[in-house]
Amino acid sequence: MALRLTGIGFFIGGSIVGGVLGGLWLDSQLNTRLFWLLGLVLGLGMAGWGVYRMLLPLVGNNK
């Protein structure tokens, strides 16, 4: 159980950092300053959806 929660924490961090880094890379390629924010929003969305999918087996189907 604790290992699964640790994995969820790494998934959240990786999603957010990956989104921001991807946005920063795209900003450097296109000489803009907007895509880091889009990467942050997408990373947060991906983290939220992933955590929901990872926790669903733990809280559901207690039959």
PDB file of N, CA and C in Angstrom:
ATOM      1  N   MET A   1       0.823  -1.193   0.000  1.00  0.00           N
ATOM      2  CA  MET A   1       0.000   0.000   0.000  1.00  0.00           C
ATOM      3  C   MET A   1       0.871   1.263   0.000  1.00  0.00           C
ATOM      4  N   ALA A   2       1.875   1.307   0.888  1.00  0.00           N
ATOM      5  CA  ALA A   2       2.740   2.481   0.965  1.00  0.00           C
ATOM      6  C   ALA A   2       3.549   2.643  -0.318  1.00  0.00           C
ATOM      7  N   LEU A   3       3.959   1.534  -0.917  1.00  0.00           N
ATOM      8  CA  LEU A   3       4.715   1.609  -2.156  1.00  0.00           C
ATOM      9  C   LEU A   3       3.853   2.164  -3.287  1.00  0.00           C
ATOM     10  N   ARG A   4       2.588   1.791  -3.310  1.00  0.00           N
ATOM     11  CA  ARG A   4       1.672   2.317  -4.325  1.00  0.00           C
ATOM     12  C   ARG A   4       1.499   3.822  -4.151  1.00  0.00           C
ATOM     13  N   LEU A   5       1.372   4.282  -2.907  1.00  0.00           N
ATOM     14  CA  LEU A   5       1.212   5.713  -2.665  1.00  0.00           C
ATOM     15  C   LEU A   5       2.483   6.481  -3.021  1.00  0.00           C
ATOM     16  N   THR A   6       3.639   5.874  -2.793  1.00  0.00           N
ATOM     17  CA  THR A   6       4.894   6.503  -3.201  1.00  0.00           C
ATOM     18  C   THR A   6       4.946   6.626  -4.720  1.00  0.00           C
ATOM     19  N   GLY A   7       4.517   5.595  -5.407  1.00  0.00           N
ATOM     20  CA  GLY A   7       4.472   5.629  -6.868  1.00  0.00           C
ATOM     21  C   GLY A   7       3.531   6.699  -7.381  1.00  0.00           C
ATOM     22  N   ILE A   8       2.428   6.901  -6.688  1.00  0.00           N
ATOM     23  CA  ILE A   8       1.489   7.946  -7.077  1.00  0.00           C
ATOM     24  C   ILE A   8       2.141   9.313  -6.919  1.00  0.00           C
ATOM     25  N   GLY A   9       2.894   9.498  -5.839  1.00  0.00           N
ATOM     26  CA  GLY A   9       3.590  10.766  -5.641  1.00  0.00           C
ATOM     27  C   GLY A   9       4.606  11.042  -6.735  1.00  0.00           C
ATOM     28  N   PHE A  10       5.356  10.030  -7.123  1.00  0.00           N
ATOM     29  CA  PHE A  10       6.312  10.202  -8.213  1.00  0.00           C
ATOM     30  C   PHE A  10       5.603  10.472  -9.530  1.00  0.00           C
ATOM     31  N   PHE A  11       4.445   9.846  -9.733  1.00  0.00           N
ATOM     32  CA  PHE A  11       3.678  10.080 -10.956  1.00  0.00           C
ATOM     33  C   PHE A  11       3.189  11.522 -11.018  1.00  0.00           C
ATOM     34  N   ILE A  12       2.714  12.048  -9.894  1.00  0.00           N
ATOM     35  CA  ILE A  12       2.250  13.434  -9.859  1.00  0.00           C
ATOM     36  C   ILE A  12       3.413  14.378 -10.178  1.00  0.00           C
ATOM     37  N   GLY A  13       4.526  14.187  -9.482  1.00  0.00           N
ATOM     38  CA  GLY A  13       5.682  15.045  -9.717  1.00  0.00           C
ATOM     39  C   GLY A  13       6.203  14.947 -11.134  1.00  0.00           C
ATOM     40  N   GLY A  14       6.289  13.733 -11.647  1.00  0.00           N
ATOM     41  CA  GLY A  14       6.787  13.539 -13.008  1.00  0.00           C
ATOM     42  C   GLY A  14       5.879  14.144 -14.058  1.00  0.00           C
ATOM     43  N   SER A  15       4.577  14.035 -13.855  1.00  0.00           N
ATOM     44  CA  SER A  15       3.637  14.612 -14.812  1.00  0.00           C
ATOM     45  C   SER A  15       3.747  16.125 -14.859  1.00  0.00           C
ATOM     46  N   ILE A  16       3.806  16.745 -13.694  1.00  0.00           N
ATOM     47  CA  ILE A  16       3.869  18.201 -13.642  1.00  0.00           C
ATOM     48  C   ILE A  16       5.213  18.700 -14.174  1.00  0.00           C
ATOM     49  N   VAL A  17       6.306  18.105 -13.707  1.00  0.00           N
ATOM     50  CA  VAL A  17       7.633  18.533 -14.166  1.00  0.00           C
ATOM     51  C   VAL A  17       7.797  18.260 -15.657  1.00  0.00           C
ATOM     52  N   GLY A  18       7.326  17.117 -16.115  1.00  0.00           N
ATOM     53  CA  GLY A  18       7.420  16.801 -17.541  1.00  0.00           C
ATOM     54  C   GLY A  18       6.638  17.771 -18.410  1.00  0.00           C
ATOM     55  N   GLY A  19       5.452  18.132 -17.953  1.00  0.00           N
ATOM     56  CA  GLY A  19       4.659  19.101 -18.705  1.00  0.00           C
ATOM     57  C   GLY A  19       5.320  20.462 -18.776  1.00  0.00           C
ATOM     58  N   VAL A  20       5.844  20.927 -17.649  1.00  0.00           N
ATOM     59  CA  VAL A  20       6.510  22.239 -17.627  1.00  0.00           C
ATOM     60  C   VAL A  20       7.781  22.209 -18.459  1.00  0.00           C
ATOM     61  N   LEU A  21       8.576  21.156 -18.325  1.00  0.00           N
ATOM     62  CA  LEU A  21       9.810  21.074 -19.121  1.00  0.00           C
ATOM     63  C   LEU A  21       9.515  20.983 -20.612  1.00  0.00           C
ATOM     64  N   GLY A  22       8.488  20.234 -20.960  1.00  0.00           N
ATOM     65  CA  GLY A  22       8.089  20.176 -22.365  1.00  0.00           C
ATOM     66  C   GLY A  22       7.638  21.532 -22.879  1.00  0.00           C
ATOM     67  N   GLY A  23       6.896  22.252 -22.062  1.00  0.00           N
ATOM     68  CA  GLY A  23       6.474  23.593 -22.443  1.00  0.00           C
ATOM     69  C   GLY A  23       7.630  24.562 -22.558  1.00  0.00           C
ATOM     70  N   LEU A  24       8.584  24.464 -21.633  1.00  0.00           N
ATOM     71  CA  LEU A  24       9.763  25.330 -21.709  1.00  0.00           C
ATOM     72  C   LEU A  24      10.586  25.025 -22.953  1.00  0.00           C
ATOM     73  N   TRP A  25      10.705  23.757 -23.295  1.00  0.00           N
ATOM     74  CA  TRP A  25      11.445  23.391 -24.515  1.00  0.00           C
ATOM     75  C   TRP A  25      10.742  23.968 -25.741  1.00  0.00           C
ATOM     76  N   LEU A  26       9.409  23.831 -25.772  1.00  0.00           N
ATOM     77  CA  LEU A  26       8.659  24.362 -26.911  1.00  0.00           C
ATOM     78  C   LEU A  26       8.767  25.882 -26.966  1.00  0.00           C
ATOM     79  N   ASP A  27       8.753  26.531 -25.803  1.00  0.00           N
ATOM     80  CA  ASP A  27       8.955  27.984 -25.764  1.00  0.00           C
ATOM     81  C   ASP A  27      10.310  28.376 -26.339  1.00  0.00           C
ATOM     82  N   SER A  28      11.341  27.619 -26.013  1.00  0.00           N
ATOM     83  CA  SER A  28      12.672  27.957 -26.529  1.00  0.00           C
ATOM     84  C   SER A  28      12.758  27.740 -28.035  1.00  0.00           C
ATOM     85  N   GLN A  29      12.032  26.772 -28.548  1.00  0.00           N
ATOM     86  CA  GLN A  29      12.065  26.504 -29.987  1.00  0.00           C
ATOM     87  C   GLN A  29      11.291  27.556 -30.776  1.00  0.00           C
ATOM     88  N   LEU A  30      10.186  28.030 -30.196  1.00  0.00           N
ATOM     89  CA  LEU A  30       9.324  28.973 -30.909  1.00  0.00           C
ATOM     90  C   LEU A  30       9.500  30.415 -30.456  1.00  0.00           C
ATOM     91  N   ASN A  31      10.421  30.643 -29.510  1.00  0.00           N
ATOM     92  CA  ASN A  31      10.697  31.979 -28.989  1.00  0.00           C
ATOM     93  C   ASN A  31       9.424  32.630 -28.427  1.00  0.00           C
ATOM     94  N   THR A  32       8.717  31.882 -27.589  1.00  0.00           N
ATOM     95  CA  THR A  32       7.512  32.376 -26.942  1.00  0.00           C
ATOM     96  C   THR A  32       7.654  32.212 -25.436  1.00  0.00           C
ATOM     97  N   ARG A  33       6.638  32.622 -24.694  1.00  0.00           N
ATOM     98  CA  ARG A  33       6.633  32.459 -23.241  1.00  0.00           C
ATOM     99  C   ARG A  33       5.279  31.979 -22.754  1.00  0.00           C
ATOM    100  N   LEU A  34       4.609  31.160 -23.535  1.00  0.00           N
ATOM    101  CA  LEU A  34       3.258  30.741 -23.199  1.00  0.00           C
ATOM    102  C   LEU A  34       3.131  29.241 -22.971  1.00  0.00           C
ATOM    103  N   PHE A  35       3.930  28.460 -23.647  1.00  0.00           N
ATOM    104  CA  PHE A  35       3.734  27.014 -23.638  1.00  0.00           C
ATOM    105  C   PHE A  35       4.083  26.356 -22.310  1.00  0.00           C
ATOM    106  N   TRP A  36       4.910  26.991 -21.469  1.00  0.00           N
ATOM    107  CA  TRP A  36       5.193  26.413 -20.152  1.00  0.00           C
ATOM    108  C   TRP A  36       3.909  26.351 -19.333  1.00  0.00           C
ATOM    109  N   LEU A  37       3.048  27.370 -19.495  1.00  0.00           N
ATOM    110  CA  LEU A  37       1.789  27.387 -18.760  1.00  0.00           C
ATOM    111  C   LEU A  37       0.851  26.311 -19.291  1.00  0.00           C
ATOM    112  N   LEU A  38       0.815  26.149 -20.588  1.00  0.00           N
ATOM    113  CA  LEU A  38       0.008  25.081 -21.175  1.00  0.00           C
ATOM    114  C   LEU A  38       0.527  23.718 -20.727  1.00  0.00           C
ATOM    115  N   GLY A  39       1.852  23.566 -20.668  1.00  0.00           N
ATOM    116  CA  GLY A  39       2.441  22.317 -20.183  1.00  0.00           C
ATOM    117  C   GLY A  39       2.089  22.058 -18.732  1.00  0.00           C
ATOM    118  N   LEU A  40       2.063  23.104 -17.921  1.00  0.00           N
ATOM    119  CA  LEU A  40       1.683  22.969 -16.515  1.00  0.00           C
ATOM    120  C   LEU A  40       0.243  22.509 -16.389  1.00  0.00           C
ATOM    121  N   VAL A  41      -0.646  23.124 -17.136  1.00  0.00           N
ATOM    122  CA  VAL A  41      -2.063  22.748 -17.078  1.00  0.00           C
ATOM    123  C   VAL A  41      -2.261  21.316 -17.560  1.00  0.00           C
ATOM    124  N   LEU A  42      -1.600  20.947 -18.649  1.00  0.00           N
ATOM    125  CA  LEU A  42      -1.719  19.573 -19.140  1.00  0.00           C
ATOM    126  C   LEU A  42      -1.109  18.572 -18.161  1.00  0.00           C
ATOM    127  N   GLY A  43       0.019  18.934 -17.543  1.00  0.00           N
ATOM    128  CA  GLY A  43       0.640  18.064 -16.545  1.00  0.00           C
ATOM    129  C   GLY A  43      -0.253  17.871 -15.327  1.00  0.00           C
ATOM    130  N   LEU A  44      -0.887  18.942 -14.869  1.00  0.00           N
ATOM    131  CA  LEU A  44      -1.809  18.835 -13.739  1.00  0.00           C
ATOM    132  C   LEU A  44      -3.018  17.976 -14.094  1.00  0.00           C
ATOM    133  N   GLY A  45      -3.530  18.165 -15.302  1.00  0.00           N
ATOM    134  CA  GLY A  45      -4.663  17.353 -15.740  1.00  0.00           C
ATOM    135  C   GLY A  45      -4.296  15.878 -15.852  1.00  0.00           C
ATOM    136  N   MET A  46      -3.136  15.611 -16.413  1.00  0.00           N
ATOM    137  CA  MET A  46      -2.690  14.229 -16.539  1.00  0.00           C
ATOM    138  C   MET A  46      -2.442  13.610 -15.167  1.00  0.00           C
ATOM    139  N   ALA A  47      -1.886  14.394 -14.240  1.00  0.00           N
ATOM    140  CA  ALA A  47      -1.645  13.900 -12.885  1.00  0.00           C
ATOM    141  C   ALA A  47      -2.961  13.581 -12.191  1.00  0.00           C
ATOM    142  N   GLY A  48      -3.935  14.472 -12.317  1.00  0.00           N
ATOM    143  CA  GLY A  48      -5.231  14.243 -11.686  1.00  0.00           C
ATOM    144  C   GLY A  48      -5.925  13.009 -12.232  1.00  0.00           C
ATOM    145  N   TRP A  49      -5.927  12.863 -13.537  1.00  0.00           N
ATOM    146  CA  TRP A  49      -6.577  11.701 -14.156  1.00  0.00           C
ATOM    147  C   TRP A  49      -5.838  10.410 -13.793  1.00  0.00           C
ATOM    148  N   GLY A  50      -4.521  10.460 -13.781  1.00  0.00           N
ATOM    149  CA  GLY A  50      -3.734   9.276 -13.444  1.00  0.00           C
ATOM    150  C   GLY A  50      -3.924   8.847 -12.003  1.00  0.00           C
ATOM    151  N   VAL A  51      -3.968   9.807 -11.091  1.00  0.00           N
ATOM    152  CA  VAL A  51      -4.196   9.478  -9.680  1.00  0.00           C
ATOM    153  C   VAL A  51      -5.582   8.886  -9.500  1.00  0.00           C
ATOM    154  N   TYR A  52      -6.554   9.454 -10.174  1.00  0.00           N
ATOM    155  CA  TYR A  52      -7.909   8.901 -10.119  1.00  0.00           C
ATOM    156  C   TYR A  52      -7.922   7.440 -10.578  1.00  0.00           C
ATOM    157  N   ARG A  53      -7.251   7.169 -11.693  1.00  0.00           N
ATOM    158  CA  ARG A  53      -7.221   5.802 -12.227  1.00  0.00           C
ATOM    159  C   ARG A  53      -6.432   4.851 -11.323  1.00  0.00           C
ATOM    160  N   MET A  54      -5.379   5.367 -10.653  1.00  0.00           N
ATOM    161  CA  MET A  54      -4.577   4.511  -9.777  1.00  0.00           C
ATOM    162  C   MET A  54      -5.287   4.212  -8.458  1.00  0.00           C
ATOM    163  N   LEU A  55      -6.057   5.170  -7.962  1.00  0.00           N
ATOM    164  CA  LEU A  55      -6.732   4.972  -6.681  1.00  0.00           C
ATOM    165  C   LEU A  55      -8.082   4.271  -6.814  1.00  0.00           C
ATOM    166  N   LEU A  56      -8.626   4.216  -7.996  1.00  0.00           N
ATOM    167  CA  LEU A  56      -9.929   3.590  -8.212  1.00  0.00           C
ATOM    168  C   LEU A  56      -9.989   2.148  -7.718  1.00  0.00           C
ATOM    169  N   PRO A  57      -8.991   1.312  -7.982  1.00  0.00           N
ATOM    170  CA  PRO A  57      -9.059  -0.060  -7.451  1.00  0.00           C
ATOM    171  C   PRO A  57      -8.970  -0.129  -5.924  1.00  0.00           C
ATOM    172  N   LEU A  58      -8.363   0.859  -5.299  1.00  0.00           N
ATOM    173  CA  LEU A  58      -8.220   0.833  -3.851  1.00  0.00           C
ATOM    174  C   LEU A  58      -9.507   1.202  -3.124  1.00  0.00           C
ATOM    175  N   VAL A  59     -10.290   2.104  -3.689  1.00  0.00           N
ATOM    176  CA  VAL A  59     -11.484   2.591  -3.003  1.00  0.00           C
ATOM    177  C   VAL A  59     -12.770   1.975  -3.540  1.00  0.00           C
ATOM    178  N   GLY A  60     -12.724   1.368  -4.683  1.00  0.00           N
ATOM    179  CA  GLY A  60     -13.939   0.813  -5.291  1.00  0.00           C
ATOM    180  C   GLY A  60     -13.961  -0.689  -5.238  1.00  0.00           C
ATOM    181  N   ASN A  61     -15.116  -1.218  -5.532  1.00  0.00           N
ATOM    182  CA  ASN A  61     -15.324  -2.670  -5.650  1.00  0.00           C
ATOM    183  C   ASN A  61     -14.969  -3.435  -4.374  1.00  0.00           C
ATOM    184  N   ASN A  62     -15.460  -2.994  -3.246  1.00  0.00           N
ATOM    185  CA  ASN A  62     -15.235  -3.696  -1.985  1.00  0.00           C
ATOM    186  C   ASN A  62     -16.359  -4.696  -1.739  1.00  0.00           C
ATOM    187  N   LYS A  63     -16.551  -5.581  -2.647  1.00  0.00           N
ATOM    188  CA  LYS A  63     -17.646  -6.580  -2.547  1.00  0.00           C
ATOM    189  C   LYS A  63     -17.184  -7.839  -1.894  1.00  0.00           C
TER     190      LYS A  63
END
